[in-house]
PDB file of N, CA and C in Angstrom:
ATOM      1  N   MET A   1      17.886  13.941  -8.117  1.00  0.00           N
ATOM      2  CA  MET A   1      16.949  13.875  -6.740  1.00  0.00           C
ATOM      3  C   MET A   1      15.412  13.728  -6.998  1.00  0.00           C
ATOM      4  N   HIS A   2      15.411  12.696  -5.877  1.00  0.00           N
ATOM      5  CA  HIS A   2      13.296  12.435  -5.914  1.00  0.00           C
ATOM      6  C   HIS A   2      13.391  13.730  -5.909  1.00  0.00           C
ATOM      7  N   ASP A   3      11.904  14.011  -5.854  1.00  0.00           N
ATOM      8  CA  ASP A   3      10.902  15.031  -5.523  1.00  0.00           C
ATOM      9  C   ASP A   3      10.796  14.277  -3.833  1.00  0.00           C
ATOM     10  N   LEU A   4      10.914  15.384  -2.829  1.00  0.00           N
ATOM     11  CA  LEU A   4      10.909  14.224  -1.756  1.00  0.00           C
ATOM     12  C   LEU A   4       9.447  14.580  -1.314  1.00  0.00           C
ATOM     13  N   SER A   5       8.739  15.576  -1.611  1.00  0.00           N
ATOM     14  CA  SER A   5       7.016  15.743  -1.269  1.00  0.00           C
ATOM     15  C   SER A   5       6.281  14.693  -2.326  1.00  0.00           C
ATOM     16  N   ARG A   6       6.690  13.941  -2.869  1.00  0.00           N
ATOM     17  CA  ARG A   6       6.117  13.001  -3.850  1.00  0.00           C
ATOM     18  C   ARG A   6       6.460  11.509  -2.738  1.00  0.00           C
ATOM     19  N   LEU A   7       8.047  11.414  -2.821  1.00  0.00           N
ATOM     20  CA  LEU A   7       8.342  10.038  -1.824  1.00  0.00           C
ATOM     21  C   LEU A   7       7.557  10.484  -0.437  1.00  0.00           C
ATOM     22  N   ALA A   8       7.097  11.513   0.475  1.00  0.00           N
ATOM     23  CA  ALA A   8       7.025  11.842   1.088  1.00  0.00           C
ATOM     24  C   ALA A   8       5.241  11.311   1.216  1.00  0.00           C
ATOM     25  N   GLN A   9       4.983  11.487   0.408  1.00  0.00           N
ATOM     26  CA  GLN A   9       3.385  10.792   0.234  1.00  0.00           C
ATOM     27  C   GLN A   9       3.245  10.034  -0.395  1.00  0.00           C
ATOM     28  N   TYR A  10       4.066   9.064  -0.827  1.00  0.00           N
ATOM     29  CA  TYR A  10       4.294   7.382  -1.026  1.00  0.00           C
ATOM     30  C   TYR A  10       4.253   6.881   0.454  1.00  0.00           C
ATOM     31  N   PHE A  11       4.993   7.509   1.318  1.00  0.00           N
ATOM     32  CA  PHE A  11       5.256   6.586   2.614  1.00  0.00           C
ATOM     33  C   PHE A  11       4.231   6.794   3.397  1.00  0.00           C
ATOM     34  N   ARG A  12       3.829   8.170   3.661  1.00  0.00           N
ATOM     35  CA  ARG A  12       2.450   8.316   4.472  1.00  0.00           C
ATOM     36  C   ARG A  12       1.247   7.330   4.037  1.00  0.00           C
ATOM     37  N   ALA A  13       1.085   6.989   2.903  1.00  0.00           N
ATOM     38  CA  ALA A  13       0.138   6.053   2.376  1.00  0.00           C
ATOM     39  C   ALA A  13       0.289   4.770   2.449  1.00  0.00           C
ATOM     40  N   LEU A  14       1.678   4.484   2.861  1.00  0.00           N
ATOM     41  CA  LEU A  14       2.210   3.093   3.415  1.00  0.00           C
ATOM     42  C   LEU A  14       2.239   2.936   4.857  1.00  0.00           C
ATOM     43  N   ALA A  15       2.013   4.380   5.552  1.00  0.00           N
ATOM     44  CA  ALA A  15       1.762   4.612   7.034  1.00  0.00           C
ATOM     45  C   ALA A  15       0.595   4.290   7.739  1.00  0.00           C
ATOM     46  N   CYS A  16      -0.371   3.196   6.800  1.00  0.00           N
ATOM     47  CA  CYS A  16      -1.467   3.157   7.610  1.00  0.00           C
ATOM     48  C   CYS A  16      -1.618   1.746   7.700  1.00  0.00           C
ATOM     49  N   GLU A  17      -2.080   0.857   8.679  1.00  0.00           N
ATOM     50  CA  GLU A  17      -2.242  -0.556   8.696  1.00  0.00           C
ATOM     51  C   GLU A  17      -3.468  -1.037   7.423  1.00  0.00           C
ATOM     52  N   THR A  18      -4.520   0.251   7.423  1.00  0.00           N
ATOM     53  CA  THR A  18      -5.542  -0.292   6.469  1.00  0.00           C
ATOM     54  C   THR A  18      -5.358  -0.520   5.054  1.00  0.00           C
ATOM     55  N   ARG A  19      -4.347   0.622   5.055  1.00  0.00           N
ATOM     56  CA  ARG A  19      -3.855   0.454   3.544  1.00  0.00           C
ATOM     57  C   ARG A  19      -2.820  -0.526   3.081  1.00  0.00           C
ATOM     58  N   LEU A  20      -2.294  -0.717   4.434  1.00  0.00           N
ATOM     59  CA  LEU A  20      -1.371  -1.654   4.064  1.00  0.00           C
ATOM     60  C   LEU A  20      -2.376  -3.244   4.060  1.00  0.00           C
ATOM     61  N   ARG A  21      -3.622  -3.420   4.451  1.00  0.00           N
ATOM     62  CA  ARG A  21      -4.045  -4.877   4.047  1.00  0.00           C
ATOM     63  C   ARG A  21      -5.298  -4.657   3.017  1.00  0.00           C
ATOM     64  N   ILE A  22      -5.174  -3.171   2.121  1.00  0.00           N
ATOM     65  CA  ILE A  22      -5.313  -3.636   0.708  1.00  0.00           C
ATOM     66  C   ILE A  22      -4.503  -3.515  -0.062  1.00  0.00           C
ATOM     67  N   LEU A  23      -3.300  -3.584   0.100  1.00  0.00           N
ATOM     68  CA  LEU A  23      -2.442  -3.443  -0.786  1.00  0.00           C
ATOM     69  C   LEU A  23      -2.002  -4.923  -0.482  1.00  0.00           C
ATOM     70  N   TYR A  24      -1.728  -6.018   0.384  1.00  0.00           N
ATOM     71  CA  TYR A  24      -1.810  -7.096   0.751  1.00  0.00           C
ATOM     72  C   TYR A  24      -2.859  -7.926  -0.094  1.00  0.00           C
ATOM     73  N   GLU A  25      -4.132  -7.502   0.035  1.00  0.00           N
ATOM     74  CA  GLU A  25      -4.991  -8.059  -0.298  1.00  0.00           C
ATOM     75  C   GLU A  25      -4.932  -8.523  -2.065  1.00  0.00           C
ATOM     76  N   ILE A  26      -4.583  -7.064  -2.380  1.00  0.00           N
ATOM     77  CA  ILE A  26      -4.715  -6.655  -4.194  1.00  0.00           C
ATOM     78  C   ILE A  26      -3.686  -6.832  -5.106  1.00  0.00           C
ATOM     79  N   ILE A  27      -2.104  -7.357  -3.852  1.00  0.00           N
ATOM     80  CA  ILE A  27      -1.139  -7.569  -4.494  1.00  0.00           C
ATOM     81  C   ILE A  27      -0.804  -8.699  -5.218  1.00  0.00           C
ATOM     82  N   SER A  28      -1.786  -9.846  -5.457  1.00  0.00           N
ATOM     83  CA  SER A  28      -1.683 -11.296  -5.923  1.00  0.00           C
ATOM     84  C   SER A  28      -2.851 -11.685  -6.652  1.00  0.00           C
ATOM     85  N   ASP A  29      -4.092 -10.553  -6.415  1.00  0.00           N
ATOM     86  CA  ASP A  29      -5.367 -10.564  -6.856  1.00  0.00           C
ATOM     87  C   ASP A  29      -5.781  -9.347  -6.523  1.00  0.00           C
ATOM     88  N   PRO A  30      -6.001  -8.444  -8.244  1.00  0.00           N
ATOM     89  CA  PRO A  30      -6.673  -7.495  -8.158  1.00  0.00           C
ATOM     90  C   PRO A  30      -8.309  -7.345  -7.697  1.00  0.00           C
ATOM     91  N   LYS A  31      -8.730  -6.698  -6.667  1.00  0.00           N
ATOM     92  CA  LYS A  31     -10.098  -6.959  -6.540  1.00  0.00           C
ATOM     93  C   LYS A  31     -10.616  -5.556  -6.803  1.00  0.00           C
ATOM     94  N   CYS A  32     -12.365  -6.098  -6.637  1.00  0.00           N
ATOM     95  CA  CYS A  32     -13.519  -4.849  -7.245  1.00  0.00           C
ATOM     96  C   CYS A  32     -13.843  -4.232  -5.659  1.00  0.00           C
ATOM     97  N   ALA A  33     -13.678  -2.729  -5.596  1.00  0.00           N
ATOM     98  CA  ALA A  33     -13.602  -2.046  -4.498  1.00  0.00           C
ATOM     99  C   ALA A  33     -15.062  -2.258  -3.581  1.00  0.00           C
ATOM    100  N   GLN A  34     -15.732  -3.207  -3.756  1.00  0.00           N
ATOM    101  CA  GLN A  34     -16.681  -3.872  -2.986  1.00  0.00           C
ATOM    102  C   GLN A  34     -15.966  -4.964  -1.984  1.00  0.00           C
ATOM    103  N   ASP A  35     -14.903  -6.007  -3.194  1.00  0.00           N
ATOM    104  CA  ASP A  35     -14.858  -7.335  -2.504  1.00  0.00           C
ATOM    105  C   ASP A  35     -13.267  -6.278  -1.471  1.00  0.00           C
ATOM    106  N   VAL A  36     -12.899  -5.008  -1.760  1.00  0.00           N
ATOM    107  CA  VAL A  36     -11.587  -4.789  -1.282  1.00  0.00           C
ATOM    108  C   VAL A  36     -12.155  -4.542   0.515  1.00  0.00           C
ATOM    109  N   ALA A  37     -13.415  -3.454   0.359  1.00  0.00           N
ATOM    110  CA  ALA A  37     -14.393  -3.374   1.392  1.00  0.00           C
ATOM    111  C   ALA A  37     -14.075  -4.530   2.842  1.00  0.00           C
ATOM    112  N   ALA A  38     -15.253  -5.630   1.842  1.00  0.00           N
ATOM    113  CA  ALA A  38     -15.348  -6.757   2.292  1.00  0.00           C
ATOM    114  C   ALA A  38     -13.794  -7.574   3.783  1.00  0.00           C
ATOM    115  N   CYS A  39     -12.705  -7.151   2.383  1.00  0.00           N
ATOM    116  CA  CYS A  39     -11.449  -8.035   3.222  1.00  0.00           C
ATOM    117  C   CYS A  39     -10.796  -7.510   3.901  1.00  0.00           C
ATOM    118  N   ILE A  40     -10.972  -6.170   4.103  1.00  0.00           N
ATOM    119  CA  ILE A  40     -10.629  -5.042   5.066  1.00  0.00           C
ATOM    120  C   ILE A  40     -11.751  -4.588   6.337  1.00  0.00           C
ATOM    121  N   GLY A  41     -12.785  -5.176   6.242  1.00  0.00           N
ATOM    122  CA  GLY A  41     -13.965  -5.288   7.345  1.00  0.00           C
ATOM    123  C   GLY A  41     -14.313  -3.703   7.289  1.00  0.00           C
ATOM    124  N   LYS A  42     -14.665  -3.082   6.173  1.00  0.00           N
ATOM    125  CA  LYS A  42     -14.843  -1.774   6.159  1.00  0.00           C
ATOM    126  C   LYS A  42     -15.839  -1.452   5.114  1.00  0.00           C
ATOM    127  N   ASP A  43     -16.744  -0.352   5.287  1.00  0.00           N
ATOM    128  CA  ASP A  43     -18.039  -0.151   4.532  1.00  0.00           C
ATOM    129  C   ASP A  43     -17.052   0.286   3.280  1.00  0.00           C
ATOM    130  N   VAL A  44     -17.923   0.230   2.031  1.00  0.00           N
ATOM    131  CA  VAL A  44     -17.132   0.570   0.492  1.00  0.00           C
ATOM    132  C   VAL A  44     -16.810   2.202   0.483  1.00  0.00           C
ATOM    133  N   SER A  45     -17.178   3.432   0.834  1.00  0.00           N
ATOM    134  CA  SER A  45     -17.212   4.442   1.292  1.00  0.00           C
ATOM    135  C   SER A  45     -15.674   4.623   2.161  1.00  0.00           C
ATOM    136  N   THR A  46     -15.301   3.783   3.095  1.00  0.00           N
ATOM    137  CA  THR A  46     -14.294   3.953   3.473  1.00  0.00           C
ATOM    138  C   THR A  46     -12.794   3.326   2.819  1.00  0.00           C
ATOM    139  N   ALA A  47     -13.789   2.754   2.231  1.00  0.00           N
ATOM    140  CA  ALA A  47     -12.397   1.573   1.098  1.00  0.00           C
ATOM    141  C   ALA A  47     -11.878   2.630   0.614  1.00  0.00           C
ATOM    142  N   TRP A  48     -13.009   3.184  -0.307  1.00  0.00           N
ATOM    143  CA  TRP A  48     -12.536   3.903  -1.508  1.00  0.00           C
ATOM    144  C   TRP A  48     -12.134   5.148  -0.674  1.00  0.00           C
ATOM    145  N   ARG A  49     -11.893   5.870   0.424  1.00  0.00           N
ATOM    146  CA  ARG A  49     -11.014   6.499   1.176  1.00  0.00           C
ATOM    147  C   ARG A  49      -9.369   6.244   1.106  1.00  0.00           C
ATOM    148  N   HIS A  50      -9.490   5.046   1.274  1.00  0.00           N
ATOM    149  CA  HIS A  50      -7.875   4.324   1.421  1.00  0.00           C
ATOM    150  C   HIS A  50      -7.330   4.135   0.390  1.00  0.00           C
ATOM    151  N   ILE A  51      -8.363   3.742  -1.106  1.00  0.00           N
ATOM    152  CA  ILE A  51      -7.718   3.930  -2.163  1.00  0.00           C
ATOM    153  C   ILE A  51      -7.196   4.991  -2.780  1.00  0.00           C
ATOM    154  N   LYS A  52      -8.182   5.819  -2.462  1.00  0.00           N
ATOM    155  CA  LYS A  52      -7.818   7.285  -3.366  1.00  0.00           C
ATOM    156  C   LYS A  52      -6.556   7.818  -2.941  1.00  0.00           C
ATOM    157  N   VAL A  53      -6.023   7.332  -1.569  1.00  0.00           N
ATOM    158  CA  VAL A  53      -5.025   7.686  -0.975  1.00  0.00           C
ATOM    159  C   VAL A  53      -3.925   7.015  -1.415  1.00  0.00           C
ATOM    160  N   LEU A  54      -4.108   5.918  -1.727  1.00  0.00           N
ATOM    161  CA  LEU A  54      -2.907   5.224  -2.744  1.00  0.00           C
ATOM    162  C   LEU A  54      -2.833   5.344  -3.835  1.00  0.00           C
ATOM    163  N   GLU A  55      -4.106   5.427  -4.587  1.00  0.00           N
ATOM    164  CA  GLU A  55      -3.729   6.314  -6.009  1.00  0.00           C
ATOM    165  C   GLU A  55      -3.319   7.509  -6.261  1.00  0.00           C
ATOM    166  N   ASP A  56      -3.666   8.798  -5.474  1.00  0.00           N
ATOM    167  CA  ASP A  56      -3.206   9.760  -4.956  1.00  0.00           C
ATOM    168  C   ASP A  56      -1.545   9.776  -5.021  1.00  0.00           C
ATOM    169  N   ALA A  57      -0.994   8.446  -4.374  1.00  0.00           N
ATOM    170  CA  ALA A  57       0.571   8.647  -4.318  1.00  0.00           C
ATOM    171  C   ALA A  57       0.897   7.479  -5.349  1.00  0.00           C
ATOM    172  N   GLY A  58       0.149   7.209  -6.437  1.00  0.00           N
ATOM    173  CA  GLY A  58       0.729   6.376  -7.702  1.00  0.00           C
ATOM    174  C   GLY A  58       0.597   5.073  -7.453  1.00  0.00           C
ATOM    175  N   ILE A  59       0.462   4.439  -6.142  1.00  0.00           N
ATOM    176  CA  ILE A  59       0.602   3.380  -5.742  1.00  0.00           C
ATOM    177  C   ILE A  59      -0.382   2.291  -6.542  1.00  0.00           C
ATOM    178  N   VAL A  60      -1.276   2.177  -6.718  1.00  0.00           N
ATOM    179  CA  VAL A  60      -2.630   1.209  -7.315  1.00  0.00           C
ATOM    180  C   VAL A  60      -3.442   2.341  -8.179  1.00  0.00           C
ATOM    181  N   THR A  61      -4.181   1.585  -9.137  1.00  0.00           N
ATOM    182  CA  THR A  61      -4.721   2.433 -10.283  1.00  0.00           C
ATOM    183  C   THR A  61      -6.368   1.531 -10.046  1.00  0.00           C
ATOM    184  N   SER A  62      -7.500   2.415 -10.729  1.00  0.00           N
ATOM    185  CA  SER A  62      -8.611   1.595 -10.433  1.00  0.00           C
ATOM    186  C   SER A  62      -9.076   1.969 -11.427  1.00  0.00           C
ATOM    187  N   ARG A  63      -9.532   1.002 -12.263  1.00  0.00           N
ATOM    188  CA  ARG A  63     -10.577   1.125 -13.556  1.00  0.00           C
ATOM    189  C   ARG A  63     -11.798   0.394 -14.163  1.00  0.00           C
ATOM    190  N   ARG A  64     -12.879   0.727 -14.578  1.00  0.00           N
ATOM    191  CA  ARG A  64     -13.618   0.192 -14.396  1.00  0.00           C
ATOM    192  C   ARG A  64     -13.676  -1.088 -15.197  1.00  0.00           C
ATOM    193  N   GLU A  65     -14.425  -1.958 -15.346  1.00  0.00           N
ATOM    194  CA  GLU A  65     -14.237  -3.297 -15.667  1.00  0.00           C
ATOM    195  C   GLU A  65     -16.221  -3.832 -15.893  1.00  0.00           C
ATOM    196  N   GLY A  66     -16.696  -3.641 -16.995  1.00  0.00           N
ATOM    197  CA  GLY A  66     -18.344  -3.780 -16.684  1.00  0.00           C
ATOM    198  C   GLY A  66     -18.987  -2.966 -15.753  1.00  0.00           C
ATOM    199  N   ARG A  67     -19.373  -3.738 -14.850  1.00  0.00           N
ATOM    200  CA  ARG A  67     -20.032  -3.034 -14.023  1.00  0.00           C
ATOM    201  C   ARG A  67     -19.280  -2.339 -12.764  1.00  0.00           C
ATOM    202  N   LYS A  68     -18.308  -3.126 -12.422  1.00  0.00           N
ATOM    203  CA  LYS A  68     -17.023  -2.851 -11.363  1.00  0.00           C
ATOM    204  C   LYS A  68     -15.966  -2.563 -11.425  1.00  0.00           C
ATOM    205  N   ILE A  69     -15.802  -1.531 -10.806  1.00  0.00           N
ATOM    206  CA  ILE A  69     -14.500  -0.623 -10.559  1.00  0.00           C
ATOM    207  C   ILE A  69     -13.420  -1.357  -9.927  1.00  0.00           C
ATOM    208  N   MET A  70     -12.429  -1.899 -10.640  1.00  0.00           N
ATOM    209  CA  MET A  70     -11.219  -2.859  -9.916  1.00  0.00           C
ATOM    210  C   MET A  70     -10.137  -2.164  -9.776  1.00  0.00           C
ATOM    211  N   VAL A  71      -9.153  -2.460  -8.583  1.00  0.00           N
ATOM    212  CA  VAL A  71      -8.526  -1.531  -8.076  1.00  0.00           C
ATOM    213  C   VAL A  71      -6.791  -2.690  -8.483  1.00  0.00           C
ATOM    214  N   TYR A  72      -5.956  -1.939  -8.900  1.00  0.00           N
ATOM    215  CA  TYR A  72      -4.813  -2.946  -8.989  1.00  0.00           C
ATOM    216  C   TYR A  72      -2.951  -2.038  -8.747  1.00  0.00           C
ATOM    217  N   VAL A  73      -2.034  -2.811  -8.579  1.00  0.00           N
ATOM    218  CA  VAL A  73      -0.920  -2.556  -7.332  1.00  0.00           C
ATOM    219  C   VAL A  73      -0.238  -1.395  -9.019  1.00  0.00           C
ATOM    220  N   ASN A  74      -0.171  -0.468  -9.172  1.00  0.00           N
ATOM    221  CA  ASN A  74       0.524   0.205 -10.168  1.00  0.00           C
ATOM    222  C   ASN A  74       2.263  -0.969 -10.799  1.00  0.00           C
ATOM    223  N   ASP A  75       3.005  -0.369  -9.783  1.00  0.00           N
ATOM    224  CA  ASP A  75       4.488  -1.289  -9.822  1.00  0.00           C
ATOM    225  C   ASP A  75       4.584  -2.571  -8.910  1.00  0.00           C
ATOM    226  N   LEU A  76       3.930  -3.483  -9.142  1.00  0.00           N
ATOM    227  CA  LEU A  76       4.102  -4.988  -8.279  1.00  0.00           C
ATOM    228  C   LEU A  76       5.161  -5.035  -8.261  1.00  0.00           C
ATOM    229  N   ASP A  77       6.078  -5.223  -8.930  1.00  0.00           N
ATOM    230  CA  ASP A  77       7.656  -5.818  -8.165  1.00  0.00           C
ATOM    231  C   ASP A  77       8.202  -4.358  -7.256  1.00  0.00           C
ATOM    232  N   ALA A  78       8.018  -2.940  -7.511  1.00  0.00           N
ATOM    233  CA  ALA A  78       8.644  -2.452  -6.649  1.00  0.00           C
ATOM    234  C   ALA A  78       7.364  -2.256  -5.193  1.00  0.00           C
ATOM    235  N   VAL A  79       6.682  -2.736  -5.491  1.00  0.00           N
ATOM    236  CA  VAL A  79       5.837  -2.317  -3.837  1.00  0.00           C
ATOM    237  C   VAL A  79       5.944  -4.154  -3.424  1.00  0.00           C
ATOM    238  N   ARG A  80       6.124  -4.721  -3.976  1.00  0.00           N
ATOM    239  CA  ARG A  80       6.847  -6.376  -3.269  1.00  0.00           C
ATOM    240  C   ARG A  80       8.266  -5.868  -2.797  1.00  0.00           C
ATOM    241  N   ARG A  81       9.259  -5.277  -3.106  1.00  0.00           N
ATOM    242  CA  ARG A  81      10.342  -5.127  -2.854  1.00  0.00           C
ATOM    243  C   ARG A  81      10.260  -4.535  -1.798  1.00  0.00           C
ATOM    244  N   ILE A  82       9.324  -3.359  -1.833  1.00  0.00           N
ATOM    245  CA  ILE A  82       9.201  -2.339  -0.462  1.00  0.00           C
ATOM    246  C   ILE A  82       8.530  -3.130   0.863  1.00  0.00           C
ATOM    247  N   LEU A  83       7.592  -3.599   0.537  1.00  0.00           N
ATOM    248  CA  LEU A  83       7.266  -4.453   1.290  1.00  0.00           C
ATOM    249  C   LEU A  83       8.222  -5.451   2.472  1.00  0.00           C
ATOM    250  N   LYS A  84       8.631  -6.197   1.141  1.00  0.00           N
ATOM    251  CA  LYS A  84       9.594  -7.372   1.828  1.00  0.00           C
ATOM    252  C   LYS A  84      10.825  -6.842   2.790  1.00  0.00           C
ATOM    253  N   LEU A  85      11.259  -5.258   1.945  1.00  0.00           N
ATOM    254  CA  LEU A  85      12.516  -4.764   3.069  1.00  0.00           C
ATOM    255  C   LEU A  85      12.012  -4.290   4.087  1.00  0.00           C
ATOM    256  N   ALA A  86      10.581  -4.189   4.207  1.00  0.00           N
ATOM    257  CA  ALA A  86      10.035  -3.431   5.323  1.00  0.00           C
ATOM    258  C   ALA A  86      10.530  -4.539   6.458  1.00  0.00           C
ATOM    259  N   GLU A  87       9.814  -5.737   5.944  1.00  0.00           N
ATOM    260  CA  GLU A  87       8.994  -7.033   6.743  1.00  0.00           C
ATOM    261  C   GLU A  87      10.563  -7.402   7.278  1.00  0.00           C
ATOM    262  N   LYS A  88      11.796  -7.276   6.291  1.00  0.00           N
ATOM    263  CA  LYS A  88      12.740  -7.977   6.835  1.00  0.00           C
ATOM    264  C   LYS A  88      13.856  -6.769   7.801  1.00  0.00           C
ATOM    265  N   SER A  89      13.359  -5.808   7.654  1.00  0.00           N
ATOM    266  CA  SER A  89      13.830  -4.810   8.888  1.00  0.00           C
ATOM    267  C   SER A  89      13.407  -5.076  10.344  1.00  0.00           C
ATOM    268  N   LEU A  90      11.837  -4.809   9.723  1.00  0.00           N
ATOM    269  CA  LEU A  90      11.208  -5.573  11.168  1.00  0.00           C
ATOM    270  C   LEU A  90      11.811  -7.040  11.942  1.00  0.00           C
ATOM    271  N   SER A  91      11.932  -8.055  11.045  1.00  0.00           N
ATOM    272  CA  SER A  91      12.744  -9.112  11.965  1.00  0.00           C
ATOM    273  C   SER A  91      13.574  -9.148  12.036  1.00  0.00           C
ATOM    274  N   ALA A  92      15.194  -8.713  11.120  1.00  0.00           N
ATOM    275  CA  ALA A  92      15.906  -8.771  11.745  1.00  0.00           C
ATOM    276  C   ALA A  92      16.410  -8.235  13.353  1.00  0.00           C
ATOM    277  N   GLU A  93      17.829  -9.103  13.145  1.00  0.00           N
ATOM    278  CA  GLU A  93      17.903  -8.561  15.161  1.00  0.00           C
ATOM    279  C   GLU A  93      18.410  -7.142  15.097  1.00  0.00           C
ATOM    280  N   LYS A  94      18.496  -6.161  15.989  1.00  0.00           N
ATOM    281  CA  LYS A  94      18.724  -5.103  16.176  1.00  0.00           C
ATOM    282  C   LYS A  94      20.175  -4.931  17.069  1.00  0.00           C
ATOM    283  N   ILE A  95      21.096  -4.037  16.467  1.00  0.00           N
ATOM    284  CA  ILE A  95      22.053  -4.187  17.036  1.00  0.00           C
ATOM    285  C   ILE A  95      22.545  -2.987  17.400  1.00  0.00           C
ATOM    286  N   THR A  96      22.501  -2.988  19.111  1.00  0.00           N
ATOM    287  CA  THR A  96      22.689  -1.355  19.477  1.00  0.00           C
ATOM    288  C   THR A  96      24.250  -0.978  19.157  1.00  0.00           C
ATOM    289  N   PRO A  97      24.269   0.549  18.455  1.00  0.00           N
ATOM    290  CA  PRO A  97      25.478   0.881  18.061  1.00  0.00           C
ATOM    291  C   PRO A  97      26.341   1.498  19.321  1.00  0.00           C
ATOM    292  N   LYS A  98      27.455   1.207  19.301  1.00  0.00           N
ATOM    293  CA  LYS A  98      28.040   1.463  20.537  1.00  0.00           C
ATOM    294  C   LYS A  98      28.951   3.200  20.167  1.00  0.00           C
ATOM    295  N   ILE A  99      28.556   3.929  21.655  1.00  0.00           N
ATOM    296  CA  ILE A  99      28.847   5.562  20.867  1.00  0.00           C
ATOM    297  C   ILE A  99      30.036   5.341  21.142  1.00  0.00           C
ATOM    298  N   ILE A 100      30.303   6.124  20.299  1.00  0.00           N
ATOM    299  CA  ILE A 100      32.234   6.198  20.424  1.00  0.00           C
ATOM    300  C   ILE A 100      32.173   8.152  21.143  1.00  0.00           C
ATOM    301  N   LYS A 101      33.107   7.781  21.776  1.00  0.00           N
ATOM    302  CA  LYS A 101      33.902   8.784  22.573  1.00  0.00           C
ATOM    303  C   LYS A 101      35.245   9.658  22.361  1.00  0.00           C
TER     304      LYS A 101
END
């Protein structure tokens, strides 16, 4: 069985629109923190705070490359599947279940 607290931390990290925007920005093209900040329309310190939450959840990692600190998605395929599943779930027609008496 999975560690439920780690799973909860993972989904809490994804439960923020800003952090989702960061993921969508870096999923196909890793970016430096300054570029992430520009993409989400926030200052660098705010971007770093969100990146740190994603890092703590194990979703992204950051590493220094020369003078820049680049941000990467750790398990690209898993994150893509989760996002696609969520998008599919939101776009699917909702069928109201019949209440059995």
